[in-house]
Amino acid sequence: MNINLNGKNHEINSGTSLVRLIDDLGLTGRKAIAIALNGEVLARDSYKETILNEGDSLEVVRAIGGG
């Protein structure tokens, strides 16, 4: 099935959880990320139970420090 990930089409398996997608993207263990699903920012503790659906729109943002 297809989702929109940061403005681009991205194919995932049906029943994929947000935690699985984070792992597949190589972002596991990174605390400085924020995720919005269909325009709503999700609480980190909801990632495990969130199952993605066809056509969902995700924005994944990583904080980058600087000076």
PDB file of N, CA and C in Angstrom:
ATOM      1  N   MET A   1       0.846  -1.178   0.000  1.00  0.00           N
ATOM      2  CA  MET A   1       0.000   0.000   0.000  1.00  0.00           C
ATOM      3  C   MET A   1       0.883   1.229   0.000  1.00  0.00           C
ATOM      4  N   ASN A   2       0.297   2.368  -0.320  1.00  0.00           N
ATOM      5  CA  ASN A   2       1.066   3.600  -0.455  1.00  0.00           C
ATOM      6  C   ASN A   2       0.650   4.641   0.582  1.00  0.00           C
ATOM      7  N   ILE A   3       1.671   5.323   1.094  1.00  0.00           N
ATOM      8  CA  ILE A   3       1.462   6.467   1.982  1.00  0.00           C
ATOM      9  C   ILE A   3       2.257   7.632   1.402  1.00  0.00           C
ATOM     10  N   ASN A   4       2.008   8.810   1.923  1.00  0.00           N
ATOM     11  CA  ASN A   4       2.767   9.991   1.552  1.00  0.00           C
ATOM     12  C   ASN A   4       3.724  10.263   2.699  1.00  0.00           C
ATOM     13  N   LEU A   5       5.018  10.190   2.446  1.00  0.00           N
ATOM     14  CA  LEU A   5       6.031  10.386   3.479  1.00  0.00           C
ATOM     15  C   LEU A   5       6.873  11.601   3.109  1.00  0.00           C
ATOM     16  N   ASN A   6       6.733  12.654   3.884  1.00  0.00           N
ATOM     17  CA  ASN A   6       7.464  13.903   3.637  1.00  0.00           C
ATOM     18  C   ASN A   6       7.304  14.374   2.192  1.00  0.00           C
ATOM     19  N   GLY A   7       6.055  14.299   1.702  1.00  0.00           N
ATOM     20  CA  GLY A   7       5.739  14.815   0.388  1.00  0.00           C
ATOM     21  C   GLY A   7       6.011  13.882  -0.772  1.00  0.00           C
ATOM     22  N   LYS A   8       6.452  12.655  -0.485  1.00  0.00           N
ATOM     23  CA  LYS A   8       6.753  11.698  -1.550  1.00  0.00           C
ATOM     24  C   LYS A   8       5.996  10.402  -1.331  1.00  0.00           C
ATOM     25  N   ASN A   9       5.644   9.752  -2.426  1.00  0.00           N
ATOM     26  CA  ASN A   9       4.989   8.457  -2.355  1.00  0.00           C
ATOM     27  C   ASN A   9       5.950   7.431  -1.756  1.00  0.00           C
ATOM     28  N   HIS A  10       5.446   6.617  -0.829  1.00  0.00           N
ATOM     29  CA  HIS A  10       6.282   5.616  -0.173  1.00  0.00           C
ATOM     30  C   HIS A  10       5.458   4.344  -0.020  1.00  0.00           C
ATOM     31  N   GLU A  11       5.985   3.231  -0.488  1.00  0.00           N
ATOM     32  CA  GLU A  11       5.262   1.958  -0.412  1.00  0.00           C
ATOM     33  C   GLU A  11       5.638   1.210   0.861  1.00  0.00           C
ATOM     34  N   ILE A  12       4.609   0.723   1.568  1.00  0.00           N
ATOM     35  CA  ILE A  12       4.801  -0.078   2.775  1.00  0.00           C
ATOM     36  C   ILE A  12       3.874  -1.288   2.711  1.00  0.00           C
ATOM     37  N   ASN A  13       4.134  -2.256   3.570  1.00  0.00           N
ATOM     38  CA  ASN A  13       3.262  -3.426   3.669  1.00  0.00           C
ATOM     39  C   ASN A  13       1.998  -3.078   4.441  1.00  0.00           C
ATOM     40  N   SER A  14       0.902  -3.704   4.069  1.00  0.00           N
ATOM     41  CA  SER A  14      -0.354  -3.537   4.799  1.00  0.00           C
ATOM     42  C   SER A  14      -0.154  -3.941   6.254  1.00  0.00           C
ATOM     43  N   GLY A  15      -0.714  -3.173   7.169  1.00  0.00           N
ATOM     44  CA  GLY A  15      -0.607  -3.474   8.590  1.00  0.00           C
ATOM     45  C   GLY A  15       0.666  -2.971   9.247  1.00  0.00           C
ATOM     46  N   THR A  16       1.457  -2.167   8.527  1.00  0.00           N
ATOM     47  CA  THR A  16       2.705  -1.636   9.071  1.00  0.00           C
ATOM     48  C   THR A  16       2.406  -0.638  10.191  1.00  0.00           C
ATOM     49  N   SER A  17       3.094  -0.822  11.313  1.00  0.00           N
ATOM     50  CA  SER A  17       2.944   0.121  12.428  1.00  0.00           C
ATOM     51  C   SER A  17       3.921   1.274  12.234  1.00  0.00           C
ATOM     52  N   LEU A  18       3.666   2.357  12.923  1.00  0.00           N
ATOM     53  CA  LEU A  18       4.555   3.506  12.857  1.00  0.00           C
ATOM     54  C   LEU A  18       5.936   3.141  13.395  1.00  0.00           C
ATOM     55  N   VAL A  19       5.987   2.319  14.437  1.00  0.00           N
ATOM     56  CA  VAL A  19       7.274   1.892  14.996  1.00  0.00           C
ATOM     57  C   VAL A  19       8.075   1.128  13.938  1.00  0.00           C
ATOM     58  N   ARG A  20       7.398   0.272  13.181  1.00  0.00           N
ATOM     59  CA  ARG A  20       8.077  -0.504  12.130  1.00  0.00           C
ATOM     60  C   ARG A  20       8.619   0.428  11.051  1.00  0.00           C
ATOM     61  N   LEU A  21       7.825   1.417  10.659  1.00  0.00           N
ATOM     62  CA  LEU A  21       8.282   2.369   9.646  1.00  0.00           C
ATOM     63  C   LEU A  21       9.500   3.140  10.156  1.00  0.00           C
ATOM     64  N   ILE A  22       9.460   3.584  11.390  1.00  0.00           N
ATOM     65  CA  ILE A  22      10.595   4.299  11.990  1.00  0.00           C
ATOM     66  C   ILE A  22      11.848   3.434  11.930  1.00  0.00           C
ATOM     67  N   ASP A  23      11.690   2.154  12.250  1.00  0.00           N
ATOM     68  CA  ASP A  23      12.808   1.218  12.193  1.00  0.00           C
ATOM     69  C   ASP A  23      13.307   1.070  10.751  1.00  0.00           C
ATOM     70  N   ASP A  24      12.374   0.892   9.814  1.00  0.00           N
ATOM     71  CA  ASP A  24      12.739   0.734   8.406  1.00  0.00           C
ATOM     72  C   ASP A  24      13.478   1.960   7.861  1.00  0.00           C
ATOM     73  N   LEU A  25      13.157   3.131   8.388  1.00  0.00           N
ATOM     74  CA  LEU A  25      13.803   4.370   7.955  1.00  0.00           C
ATOM     75  C   LEU A  25      15.139   4.617   8.650  1.00  0.00           C
ATOM     76  N   GLY A  26      15.504   3.738   9.590  1.00  0.00           N
ATOM     77  CA  GLY A  26      16.758   3.889  10.306  1.00  0.00           C
ATOM     78  C   GLY A  26      16.729   4.950  11.387  1.00  0.00           C
ATOM     79  N   LEU A  27      15.533   5.242  11.900  1.00  0.00           N
ATOM     80  CA  LEU A  27      15.388   6.295  12.909  1.00  0.00           C
ATOM     81  C   LEU A  27      15.163   5.762  14.313  1.00  0.00           C
ATOM     82  N   THR A  28      15.218   4.447  14.502  1.00  0.00           N
ATOM     83  CA  THR A  28      15.006   3.856  15.820  1.00  0.00           C
ATOM     84  C   THR A  28      16.047   4.391  16.798  1.00  0.00           C
ATOM     85  N   GLY A  29      15.589   4.767  17.974  1.00  0.00           N
ATOM     86  CA  GLY A  29      16.480   5.260  19.024  1.00  0.00           C
ATOM     87  C   GLY A  29      16.744   6.752  18.962  1.00  0.00           C
ATOM     88  N   ARG A  30      16.306   7.399  17.923  1.00  0.00           N
ATOM     89  CA  ARG A  30      16.504   8.854  17.835  1.00  0.00           C
ATOM     90  C   ARG A  30      15.368   9.546  18.566  1.00  0.00           C
ATOM     91  N   LYS A  31      15.737  10.319  19.554  1.00  0.00           N
ATOM     92  CA  LYS A  31      14.720  10.988  20.366  1.00  0.00           C
ATOM     93  C   LYS A  31      14.328  12.343  19.801  1.00  0.00           C
ATOM     94  N   ALA A  32      15.132  12.876  18.923  1.00  0.00           N
ATOM     95  CA  ALA A  32      14.879  14.219  18.420  1.00  0.00           C
ATOM     96  C   ALA A  32      14.108  14.181  17.098  1.00  0.00           C
ATOM     97  N   ILE A  33      13.019  13.393  17.071  1.00  0.00           N
ATOM     98  CA  ILE A  33      12.150  13.383  15.892  1.00  0.00           C
ATOM     99  C   ILE A  33      10.728  13.703  16.337  1.00  0.00           C
ATOM    100  N   ALA A  34       9.993  14.269  15.424  1.00  0.00           N
ATOM    101  CA  ALA A  34       8.560  14.520  15.637  1.00  0.00           C
ATOM    102  C   ALA A  34       7.841  13.989  14.411  1.00  0.00           C
ATOM    103  N   ILE A  35       6.658  13.416  14.632  1.00  0.00           N
ATOM    104  CA  ILE A  35       5.901  12.837  13.527  1.00  0.00           C
ATOM    105  C   ILE A  35       4.475  13.359  13.561  1.00  0.00           C
ATOM    106  N   ALA A  36       4.033  13.822  12.388  1.00  0.00           N
ATOM    107  CA  ALA A  36       2.641  14.228  12.216  1.00  0.00           C
ATOM    108  C   ALA A  36       1.982  13.241  11.266  1.00  0.00           C
ATOM    109  N   LEU A  37       0.842  12.729  11.667  1.00  0.00           N
ATOM    110  CA  LEU A  37       0.060  11.807  10.848  1.00  0.00           C
ATOM    111  C   LEU A  37      -1.212  12.518  10.428  1.00  0.00           C
ATOM    112  N   ASN A  38      -1.375  12.693   9.133  1.00  0.00           N
ATOM    113  CA  ASN A  38      -2.543  13.390   8.585  1.00  0.00           C
ATOM    114  C   ASN A  38      -2.746  14.753   9.239  1.00  0.00           C
ATOM    115  N   GLY A  39      -1.623  15.458   9.446  1.00  0.00           N
ATOM    116  CA  GLY A  39      -1.670  16.818   9.958  1.00  0.00           C
ATOM    117  C   GLY A  39      -1.716  16.969  11.465  1.00  0.00           C
ATOM    118  N   GLU A  40      -1.693  15.855  12.200  1.00  0.00           N
ATOM    119  CA  GLU A  40      -1.761  15.916  13.659  1.00  0.00           C
ATOM    120  C   GLU A  40      -0.502  15.308  14.268  1.00  0.00           C
ATOM    121  N   VAL A  41       0.201  16.097  15.093  1.00  0.00           N
ATOM    122  CA  VAL A  41       1.417  15.620  15.736  1.00  0.00           C
ATOM    123  C   VAL A  41       1.054  14.526  16.735  1.00  0.00           C
ATOM    124  N   LEU A  42       1.808  13.428  16.660  1.00  0.00           N
ATOM    125  CA  LEU A  42       1.538  12.285  17.532  1.00  0.00           C
ATOM    126  C   LEU A  42       2.438  12.285  18.757  1.00  0.00           C
ATOM    127  N   ALA A  43       1.898  11.835  19.869  1.00  0.00           N
ATOM    128  CA  ALA A  43       2.691  11.630  21.078  1.00  0.00           C
ATOM    129  C   ALA A  43       3.575  10.401  20.863  1.00  0.00           C
ATOM    130  N   ARG A  44       4.797  10.469  21.324  1.00  0.00           N
ATOM    131  CA  ARG A  44       5.747   9.366  21.142  1.00  0.00           C
ATOM    132  C   ARG A  44       5.205   8.039  21.666  1.00  0.00           C
ATOM    133  N   ASP A  45       4.453   8.066  22.756  1.00  0.00           N
ATOM    134  CA  ASP A  45       3.947   6.810  23.323  1.00  0.00           C
ATOM    135  C   ASP A  45       2.829   6.184  22.486  1.00  0.00           C
ATOM    136  N   SER A  46       2.365   6.865  21.439  1.00  0.00           N
ATOM    137  CA  SER A  46       1.340   6.286  20.567  1.00  0.00           C
ATOM    138  C   SER A  46       1.935   5.630  19.321  1.00  0.00           C
ATOM    139  N   TYR A  47       3.236   5.758  19.105  1.00  0.00           N
ATOM    140  CA  TYR A  47       3.865   5.218  17.902  1.00  0.00           C
ATOM    141  C   TYR A  47       3.655   3.707  17.778  1.00  0.00           C
ATOM    142  N   LYS A  48       3.781   2.996  18.888  1.00  0.00           N
ATOM    143  CA  LYS A  48       3.712   1.536  18.862  1.00  0.00           C
ATOM    144  C   LYS A  48       2.334   1.033  18.429  1.00  0.00           C
ATOM    145  N   GLU A  49       1.298   1.710  18.843  1.00  0.00           N
ATOM    146  CA  GLU A  49      -0.067   1.256  18.559  1.00  0.00           C
ATOM    147  C   GLU A  49      -0.652   1.847  17.270  1.00  0.00           C
ATOM    148  N   THR A  50       0.069   2.763  16.632  1.00  0.00           N
ATOM    149  CA  THR A  50      -0.444   3.408  15.424  1.00  0.00           C
ATOM    150  C   THR A  50      -0.160   2.536  14.200  1.00  0.00           C
ATOM    151  N   ILE A  51      -1.220   2.086  13.550  1.00  0.00           N
ATOM    152  CA  ILE A  51      -1.115   1.301  12.325  1.00  0.00           C
ATOM    153  C   ILE A  51      -1.412   2.226  11.146  1.00  0.00           C
ATOM    154  N   LEU A  52      -0.556   2.193  10.158  1.00  0.00           N
ATOM    155  CA  LEU A  52      -0.696   3.074   9.007  1.00  0.00           C
ATOM    156  C   LEU A  52      -1.692   2.495   8.004  1.00  0.00           C
ATOM    157  N   ASN A  53      -2.396   3.396   7.325  1.00  0.00           N
ATOM    158  CA  ASN A  53      -3.420   3.021   6.357  1.00  0.00           C
ATOM    159  C   ASN A  53      -3.101   3.599   4.988  1.00  0.00           C
ATOM    160  N   GLU A  54      -3.648   2.977   3.962  1.00  0.00           N
ATOM    161  CA  GLU A  54      -3.501   3.454   2.589  1.00  0.00           C
ATOM    162  C   GLU A  54      -3.840   4.945   2.514  1.00  0.00           C
ATOM    163  N   GLY A  55      -2.938   5.709   1.908  1.00  0.00           N
ATOM    164  CA  GLY A  55      -3.182   7.130   1.699  1.00  0.00           C
ATOM    165  C   GLY A  55      -2.824   8.031   2.861  1.00  0.00           C
ATOM    166  N   ASP A  56      -2.377   7.471   3.989  1.00  0.00           N
ATOM    167  CA  ASP A  56      -1.978   8.319   5.117  1.00  0.00           C
ATOM    168  C   ASP A  56      -0.857   9.258   4.690  1.00  0.00           C
ATOM    169  N   SER A  57      -0.828  10.420   5.316  1.00  0.00           N
ATOM    170  CA  SER A  57       0.202  11.408   5.053  1.00  0.00           C
ATOM    171  C   SER A  57       1.030  11.600   6.318  1.00  0.00           C
ATOM    172  N   LEU A  58       2.325  11.339   6.212  1.00  0.00           N
ATOM    173  CA  LEU A  58       3.238  11.457   7.352  1.00  0.00           C
ATOM    174  C   LEU A  58       4.288  12.517   7.076  1.00  0.00           C
ATOM    175  N   GLU A  59       4.574  13.293   8.095  1.00  0.00           N
ATOM    176  CA  GLU A  59       5.698  14.221   8.065  1.00  0.00           C
ATOM    177  C   GLU A  59       6.614  13.822   9.219  1.00  0.00           C
ATOM    178  N   VAL A  60       7.841  13.483   8.901  1.00  0.00           N
ATOM    179  CA  VAL A  60       8.831  13.104   9.907  1.00  0.00           C
ATOM    180  C   VAL A  60       9.892  14.191   9.910  1.00  0.00           C
ATOM    181  N   VAL A  61      10.079  14.807  11.077  1.00  0.00           N
ATOM    182  CA  VAL A  61      11.015  15.906  11.211  1.00  0.00           C
ATOM    183  C   VAL A  61      12.054  15.550  12.258  1.00  0.00           C
ATOM    184  N   ARG A  62      13.323  15.731  11.900  1.00  0.00           N
ATOM    185  CA  ARG A  62      14.419  15.505  12.851  1.00  0.00           C
ATOM    186  C   ARG A  62      14.995  16.837  13.284  1.00  0.00           C
ATOM    187  N   ALA A  63      15.142  16.990  14.598  1.00  0.00           N
ATOM    188  CA  ALA A  63      15.758  18.220  15.115  1.00  0.00           C
ATOM    189  C   ALA A  63      17.264  18.154  14.897  1.00  0.00           C
ATOM    190  N   ILE A  64      17.819  19.270  14.468  1.00  0.00           N
ATOM    191  CA  ILE A  64      19.249  19.345  14.238  1.00  0.00           C
ATOM    192  C   ILE A  64      19.777  20.524  15.028  1.00  0.00           C
ATOM    193  N   GLY A  65      20.748  20.244  15.881  1.00  0.00           N
ATOM    194  CA  GLY A  65      21.330  21.295  16.706  1.00  0.00           C
ATOM    195  C   GLY A  65      22.342  22.106  15.937  1.00  0.00           C
ATOM    196  N   GLY A  66      22.586  23.253  16.414  1.00  0.00           N
ATOM    197  CA  GLY A  66      23.574  24.122  15.769  1.00  0.00           C
ATOM    198  C   GLY A  66      23.874  25.309  16.646  1.00  0.00           C
ATOM    199  N   GLY A  67      24.725  26.116  16.225  1.00  0.00           N
ATOM    200  CA  GLY A  67      25.083  27.232  17.058  1.00  0.00           C
ATOM    201  C   GLY A  67      25.272  28.431  16.312  1.00  0.00           C
TER     202      GLY A  67
END
